[in-house]
Protein backbone atom coordinates (compact mmCIF):
# COMPACT_ATOMS: atom_id res chain seq x y z
CA MET A 1 -3.68 -12.46 -34.37
CA THR A 2 -6.22 -15.27 -34.10
CA GLY A 3 -8.11 -17.17 -31.46
CA GLY A 4 -9.75 -15.91 -28.31
CA THR A 5 -9.25 -12.55 -26.64
CA LEU A 6 -7.27 -12.11 -23.45
CA TYR A 7 -8.79 -9.68 -20.94
CA GLY A 8 -7.00 -8.17 -17.98
CA ILE A 9 -9.85 -7.16 -15.70
CA GLY A 10 -9.26 -4.68 -12.90
CA LEU A 11 -11.52 -5.40 -9.92
CA GLY A 12 -10.73 -2.36 -7.79
CA PRO A 13 -9.38 -2.06 -4.26
CA GLY A 14 -11.49 -4.71 -2.54
CA ASP A 15 -15.07 -3.55 -2.12
CA PRO A 16 -17.10 -5.54 -4.70
CA GLU A 17 -19.35 -2.51 -5.24
CA LEU A 18 -16.35 -0.70 -6.75
CA VAL A 19 -16.12 -3.18 -9.64
CA THR A 20 -16.94 -1.37 -12.90
CA LEU A 21 -19.99 -2.19 -15.00
CA LYS A 22 -17.72 -3.29 -17.86
CA ALA A 23 -15.77 -5.65 -15.62
CA ALA A 24 -18.98 -7.14 -14.22
CA ARG A 25 -20.38 -7.70 -17.73
CA LEU A 26 -17.24 -9.50 -18.88
CA LEU A 27 -17.05 -11.62 -15.74
CA ALA A 28 -20.57 -12.83 -16.42
CA THR A 29 -19.94 -13.75 -20.05
CA THR A 30 -16.27 -14.73 -20.50
CA PRO A 31 -15.92 -18.53 -20.79
CA VAL A 32 -12.53 -18.86 -19.07
CA ILE A 33 -11.69 -17.02 -15.82
CA ALA A 34 -8.13 -17.15 -14.48
CA PHE A 35 -6.88 -15.88 -11.14
CA PHE A 36 -3.74 -15.83 -9.02
CA ALA A 37 -3.73 -17.09 -5.44
CA ALA A 38 -1.39 -18.12 -2.67
CA ALA A 39 -1.41 -21.88 -2.14
CA GLY A 40 -4.28 -22.94 0.09
CA ARG A 41 -6.05 -19.57 -0.08
CA PRO A 42 -9.05 -18.54 -2.18
CA GLY A 43 -7.30 -15.63 -3.88
CA HIS A 44 -8.20 -12.02 -3.15
CA ALA A 45 -9.24 -11.12 -6.70
CA ARG A 46 -11.34 -14.28 -6.89
CA THR A 47 -13.07 -13.28 -3.65
CA ILE A 48 -13.91 -9.82 -5.00
CA ALA A 49 -15.41 -11.40 -8.13
CA ASP A 50 -17.47 -13.94 -6.21
CA GLY A 51 -21.06 -13.77 -7.41
CA LEU A 52 -20.15 -12.02 -10.68
CA ILE A 53 -18.61 -14.96 -12.58
CA GLY A 54 -20.88 -16.84 -14.95
CA PRO A 55 -21.92 -20.29 -13.66
CA ALA A 56 -20.59 -22.10 -16.75
CA ALA A 57 -17.13 -20.47 -16.69
CA GLU A 58 -14.02 -22.64 -16.66
CA LEU A 59 -11.76 -21.54 -13.80
CA ILE A 60 -7.98 -21.57 -14.11
CA ARG A 61 -6.32 -21.21 -10.71
CA MET A 62 -2.70 -20.04 -10.73
CA ASP A 63 -1.00 -20.74 -7.39
CA TYR A 64 2.19 -18.80 -6.71
CA PRO A 65 5.11 -21.19 -6.09
CA PHE A 66 6.15 -19.04 -3.12
CA THR A 67 5.33 -15.68 -1.57
CA LEU A 68 7.61 -14.73 1.33
CA GLU A 69 9.64 -17.95 1.57
CA ILE A 70 12.44 -16.75 -0.75
CA ALA A 71 13.79 -13.21 -0.92
CA VAL A 72 13.19 -11.35 -4.16
CA GLU A 73 16.95 -10.77 -4.47
CA ASP A 74 17.65 -14.52 -4.37
CA PRO A 75 18.41 -15.90 -7.88
CA ARG A 76 16.14 -18.85 -7.09
CA TYR A 77 13.21 -16.45 -6.80
CA ARG A 78 13.74 -14.93 -10.23
CA ALA A 79 14.17 -18.32 -11.89
CA GLY A 80 11.21 -19.89 -10.11
CA ILE A 81 8.80 -17.03 -10.66
CA ALA A 82 9.76 -16.80 -14.35
CA ARG A 83 8.95 -20.52 -14.79
CA PHE A 84 5.66 -19.96 -13.00
CA TYR A 85 4.60 -17.13 -15.32
CA ASP A 86 5.73 -19.16 -18.34
CA ASP A 87 3.49 -22.03 -17.22
CA CYS A 88 0.52 -19.74 -16.53
CA ALA A 89 0.90 -18.10 -19.94
CA ALA A 90 1.05 -21.51 -21.63
CA ARG A 91 -2.19 -22.60 -19.94
CA LEU A 92 -3.96 -19.45 -21.10
CA ALA A 93 -2.44 -19.67 -24.59
CA ALA A 94 -3.87 -23.18 -24.98
CA ALA A 95 -7.38 -21.91 -24.20
CA LEU A 96 -6.96 -18.86 -26.42
CA ALA A 97 -5.78 -21.06 -29.30
CA ARG A 98 -9.05 -22.98 -29.02
CA GLY A 99 -10.90 -19.72 -29.61
CA ARG A 100 -11.95 -19.26 -26.00
CA ASP A 101 -11.85 -15.78 -24.49
CA CYS A 102 -9.94 -15.64 -21.20
CA ALA A 103 -10.27 -13.08 -18.40
CA VAL A 104 -7.53 -12.69 -15.79
CA LEU A 105 -8.78 -11.26 -12.50
CA CYS A 106 -6.64 -8.40 -11.20
CA GLU A 107 -6.76 -6.64 -7.85
CA GLY A 108 -6.83 -2.88 -8.34
CA ASP A 109 -5.75 -2.02 -11.88
CA PRO A 110 -4.10 -4.58 -14.20
CA PHE A 111 -1.17 -2.30 -15.05
CA PHE A 112 -0.38 -1.06 -11.54
CA TYR A 113 1.92 -3.35 -9.51
CA GLY A 114 0.06 -6.44 -10.68
CA SER A 115 1.02 -9.96 -11.72
CA PHE A 116 -1.08 -9.69 -14.88
CA MET A 117 1.64 -7.61 -16.52
CA TYR A 118 3.90 -10.66 -16.71
CA LEU A 119 1.21 -12.58 -18.59
CA PHE A 120 0.62 -9.58 -20.82
CA ASP A 121 4.33 -9.50 -21.73
CA ARG A 122 4.18 -13.15 -22.76
CA LEU A 123 0.87 -13.17 -24.63
CA HIS A 124 -0.20 -9.84 -26.09
CA ARG A 125 1.85 -10.12 -29.30
CA GLN A 126 0.23 -13.43 -30.26
CA HIS A 127 -3.33 -12.93 -28.99
CA PRO A 128 -5.84 -10.06 -29.07
CA THR A 129 -5.66 -8.39 -25.67
CA ARG A 130 -7.95 -5.89 -23.94
CA ILE A 131 -7.48 -4.16 -20.62
CA VAL A 132 -10.34 -3.16 -18.32
CA PRO A 133 -9.01 -0.56 -15.88
CA GLY A 134 -9.86 -0.72 -12.21
CA ILE A 135 -9.80 1.65 -9.26
CA THR A 136 -6.34 1.40 -7.73
CA GLY A 137 -5.79 0.36 -4.15
CA MET A 138 -4.30 3.74 -3.35
CA ALA A 139 -7.37 5.57 -4.70
CA GLY A 140 -9.61 3.36 -2.62
CA CYS A 141 -7.49 4.02 0.46
CA TRP A 142 -7.28 7.80 0.17
CA SER A 143 -11.03 7.93 -0.46
CA ALA A 144 -11.72 5.74 2.58
CA ALA A 145 -9.40 7.96 4.63
CA ALA A 146 -11.07 11.16 3.32
CA ALA A 147 -7.55 12.40 2.62
CA PRO A 148 -7.26 14.83 -0.34
CA MET A 149 -3.86 14.05 -1.83
CA THR A 150 -2.98 16.66 -4.44
CA GLN A 151 -4.10 20.09 -5.51
CA GLY A 152 -2.85 22.74 -7.87
CA ASP A 153 0.61 21.80 -9.07
CA ASP A 154 1.35 19.27 -6.30
CA MET A 155 3.59 16.40 -7.38
CA LEU A 156 2.53 12.91 -6.29
CA CYS A 157 5.16 10.19 -5.87
CA VAL A 158 4.26 6.50 -5.66
CA LEU A 159 6.98 4.48 -3.95
CA PRO A 160 7.47 0.79 -3.21
CA GLY A 161 8.44 0.26 0.40
CA THR A 162 11.00 -2.28 -0.78
CA LEU A 163 13.35 0.55 -1.82
CA PRO A 164 16.44 1.15 0.34
CA LYS A 165 15.87 3.67 3.11
CA ALA A 166 18.14 6.29 1.51
CA ALA A 167 16.23 6.10 -1.77
CA LEU A 168 12.91 6.49 0.06
CA VAL A 169 14.17 9.56 1.89
CA ASP A 170 15.48 11.19 -1.30
CA ARG A 171 12.22 10.72 -3.18
CA LEU A 172 10.02 11.74 -0.26
CA ARG A 173 11.90 14.99 0.08
CA LEU A 174 11.21 15.80 -3.58
CA ALA A 175 7.47 15.04 -3.49
CA ASP A 176 4.55 17.18 -2.34
CA ALA A 177 2.46 14.07 -1.70
CA ALA A 178 3.32 10.39 -1.58
CA VAL A 179 1.88 6.90 -1.49
CA ILE A 180 4.07 4.12 -0.16
CA MET A 181 3.05 0.66 -1.39
CA LYS A 182 4.36 -2.77 -0.43
CA VAL A 183 4.48 -1.93 3.26
CA GLY A 184 4.41 -5.42 4.81
CA ARG A 185 7.73 -6.22 6.43
CA ASN A 186 9.12 -2.82 5.43
CA LEU A 187 7.14 -0.69 7.87
CA ALA A 188 9.98 -0.01 10.31
CA LYS A 189 12.20 1.21 7.46
CA ILE A 190 9.36 3.32 6.06
CA ARG A 191 8.88 4.96 9.47
CA GLU A 192 12.56 5.86 9.60
CA ALA A 193 12.48 7.29 6.07
CA LEU A 194 9.40 9.41 6.80
CA ALA A 195 11.02 10.71 9.99
CA ALA A 196 14.21 11.60 8.13
CA ALA A 197 12.15 13.46 5.51
CA GLY A 198 10.18 15.30 8.20
CA LEU A 199 6.85 13.77 7.15
CA THR A 200 5.80 11.59 10.08
CA ASP A 201 3.09 14.00 11.24
CA ARG A 202 1.39 13.92 7.81
CA ALA A 203 1.56 10.16 7.29
CA LEU A 204 -1.55 7.98 7.46
CA TYR A 205 -1.50 4.21 7.82
CA VAL A 206 -4.30 2.42 5.90
CA GLU A 207 -4.88 -1.31 6.31
CA ARG A 208 -7.36 -3.23 4.15
CA GLY A 209 -8.81 -0.05 2.69
CA THR A 210 -12.44 -0.43 1.43
CA MET A 211 -12.53 -4.02 2.77
CA ALA A 212 -13.83 -5.71 5.89
CA GLY A 213 -11.42 -5.01 8.74
CA GLU A 214 -10.45 -1.60 7.35
CA ARG A 215 -8.18 0.37 9.67
CA ILE A 216 -7.11 4.00 9.15
CA ILE A 217 -4.93 5.80 11.70
CA PRO A 218 -2.10 8.35 11.81
CA LEU A 219 1.09 6.38 11.34
CA ALA A 220 2.46 7.97 14.51
CA ASP A 221 -0.36 6.26 16.46
CA LYS A 222 0.52 2.76 15.23
CA SER A 223 2.35 1.11 18.10
CA ASP A 224 4.04 -1.73 16.21
CA ASP A 225 5.76 -2.38 12.91
CA GLN A 226 3.53 -5.26 11.79
CA ALA A 227 1.56 -4.74 8.57
CA PRO A 228 -0.37 -7.15 6.33
CA TYR A 229 -0.11 -7.39 2.57
CA PHE A 230 -3.02 -5.00 2.06
CA ALA A 231 -1.55 -1.96 3.77
CA LEU A 232 -0.09 1.29 2.54
CA VAL A 233 1.02 4.69 3.83
CA LEU A 234 -0.41 7.96 2.55
CA VAL A 235 1.32 11.33 2.81
CA PRO A 236 -1.26 13.92 1.71
CA GLY A 237 0.02 16.96 -0.15
CA ARG A 238 0.33 20.44 1.24
CA ARG A 239 -2.93 22.15 2.12
CA GLY A 240 -3.90 25.78 2.15
CA PRO A 241 -5.40 28.57 0.04
CA ARG A 242 -4.58 28.69 -3.65
């Protein structure tokens, strides 16, 4: 492997004070900083890193071709998003080939439900690659909610809310504690799955955890099924003497 080093830098759940010292050091010194964003928006990871990036850094903005406009199951989505990641990887590869280190900003942790993994798949065999872990969104949310999740031999299950309702119910029934990610437009289905698994009373709804506008309430107290991108549901594990 030759050329510059590719860094996947985890920035944590949203609060800039939860960025690690290592991430902050690399943000200040890496010559090329890349970040994903929705078209016309600043990019959440870029916002977290604001004030930490070196003034001379070259910025590579990677705008998603679509977000909610095309369903994930649509063949056009898979083809379009694959071309997008190919293009992003090519842009980074060109900088790396010139010997320039490149850091990709990642919300939460780079290897946990993040877009960086698709760049990693395309680049890590040809270029030196280092990962800087970050506090996951779920860890930030359960800390903000003061909700102990597991103890003893509790089993934690992390589920995407995009799963079919029946699959959610099956997995929730097997778990002692659960985190449901990718809530968004799936909240009504998630409610139904939690009710079927007998877990509604334990479920907490967390919106924008650790960020401005943070909201933490029992899911049963949420009166509608609207949820933003930065929302998840926590089901703390069983409590009691050990």
